[in-house]
Amino acid sequence: MLLRKLALATTLAVGAPAAAYAAPSAPAAVETVKVQAPTASTSDAAGYAQREQQDQKAANFQGGDLVVVGVSGGAILVLLLLLLILA
């Protein structure tokens, strides 16, 4: 029960002021312009193709999204545990 009250109080303390500041005082005028995205030149495309042929591992690269999510989640968990212990 204490944890629920603490979570609600934290959410309201952080979220309510942010929502109040986020509300615009007057609607903004927006203009949308469609433009064509630039295309790579043939020399750039040839250079990229040559690099990909030299390094076959580059085609299978998947990035480090799992590491980023894991570290961020762990940091949030540690902060919440510290908050519970010190409160």
Protein backbone atom coordinates (compact mmCIF):
# COMPACT_ATOMS: atom_id res chain seq x y z
CA MET A 1 0.00 0.00 0.00
CA LEU A 2 2.85 2.36 0.83
CA LEU A 3 4.46 1.57 -2.50
CA ARG A 4 1.25 2.46 -4.37
CA LYS A 5 0.95 5.77 -2.54
CA LEU A 6 4.61 6.53 -3.18
CA ALA A 7 4.28 5.68 -6.87
CA LEU A 8 1.15 7.83 -7.22
CA ALA A 9 2.74 10.74 -5.38
CA THR A 10 5.86 10.53 -7.52
CA THR A 11 3.85 10.35 -10.73
CA LEU A 12 1.76 13.35 -9.77
CA ALA A 13 4.76 15.35 -8.55
CA VAL A 14 6.64 14.79 -11.80
CA GLY A 15 3.81 14.56 -14.31
CA ALA A 16 1.44 17.33 -13.25
CA PRO A 17 3.90 20.25 -13.57
CA ALA A 18 5.24 18.86 -16.84
CA ALA A 19 1.72 18.61 -18.26
CA ALA A 20 0.92 22.14 -17.10
CA TYR A 21 4.01 23.58 -18.81
CA ALA A 22 3.44 21.54 -21.95
CA ALA A 23 0.04 23.09 -22.70
CA PRO A 24 0.49 25.84 -25.30
CA SER A 25 -1.04 29.21 -24.49
CA ALA A 26 -2.16 29.76 -28.08
CA PRO A 27 -2.35 27.42 -31.06
CA ALA A 28 0.64 27.64 -33.33
CA ALA A 29 0.41 28.10 -37.08
CA VAL A 30 1.94 25.15 -38.89
CA GLU A 31 2.92 24.94 -42.53
CA THR A 32 3.78 21.60 -44.09
CA VAL A 33 5.90 21.51 -47.20
CA LYS A 34 6.57 18.30 -49.10
CA VAL A 35 10.10 18.05 -50.42
CA GLN A 36 11.90 15.29 -52.22
CA ALA A 37 14.59 13.56 -50.20
CA PRO A 38 18.09 13.86 -51.64
CA THR A 39 19.42 10.75 -53.34
CA ALA A 40 22.94 9.43 -53.00
CA SER A 41 25.22 10.07 -55.91
CA THR A 42 26.48 7.13 -57.94
CA SER A 43 30.00 7.58 -56.59
CA ASP A 44 28.68 7.36 -53.01
CA ALA A 45 26.64 4.26 -53.85
CA ALA A 46 29.66 2.64 -55.50
CA GLY A 47 31.82 3.43 -52.47
CA TYR A 48 29.27 1.94 -50.10
CA ALA A 49 28.93 -1.18 -52.24
CA GLN A 50 32.71 -1.61 -52.34
CA ARG A 51 32.98 -1.30 -48.54
CA GLU A 52 30.18 -3.82 -48.08
CA GLN A 53 31.96 -6.30 -50.35
CA GLN A 54 35.19 -5.88 -48.36
CA ASP A 55 33.53 -6.49 -44.99
CA GLN A 56 30.83 -9.19 -45.06
CA LYS A 57 30.04 -8.73 -41.36
CA ALA A 58 28.64 -5.26 -42.03
CA ALA A 59 25.59 -6.76 -43.76
CA ASN A 60 24.68 -8.70 -40.58
CA PHE A 61 25.14 -5.78 -38.14
CA GLN A 62 22.15 -5.42 -35.77
CA GLY A 63 23.20 -2.65 -33.38
CA GLY A 64 23.18 -2.53 -29.60
CA ASP A 65 19.56 -1.75 -28.78
CA LEU A 66 19.35 -4.55 -26.22
CA VAL A 67 22.29 -3.14 -24.28
CA VAL A 68 20.79 0.35 -24.20
CA VAL A 69 17.41 -0.90 -22.97
CA GLY A 70 19.04 -3.16 -20.39
CA VAL A 71 21.30 -0.47 -18.95
CA SER A 72 18.50 2.11 -18.85
CA GLY A 73 16.12 -0.32 -17.16
CA GLY A 74 18.77 -1.29 -14.64
CA ALA A 75 19.50 2.35 -13.80
CA ILE A 76 15.80 3.07 -13.25
CA LEU A 77 15.49 -0.02 -11.07
CA VAL A 78 18.45 1.04 -8.92
CA LEU A 79 17.01 4.55 -8.52
CA LEU A 80 13.63 3.17 -7.46
CA LEU A 81 15.25 0.82 -4.94
CA LEU A 82 17.27 3.70 -3.49
CA LEU A 83 14.12 5.78 -3.28
CA LEU A 84 12.33 3.00 -1.40
CA ILE A 85 15.22 2.41 0.97
CA LEU A 86 15.84 6.07 1.77
CA ALA A 87 12.17 7.09 2.05
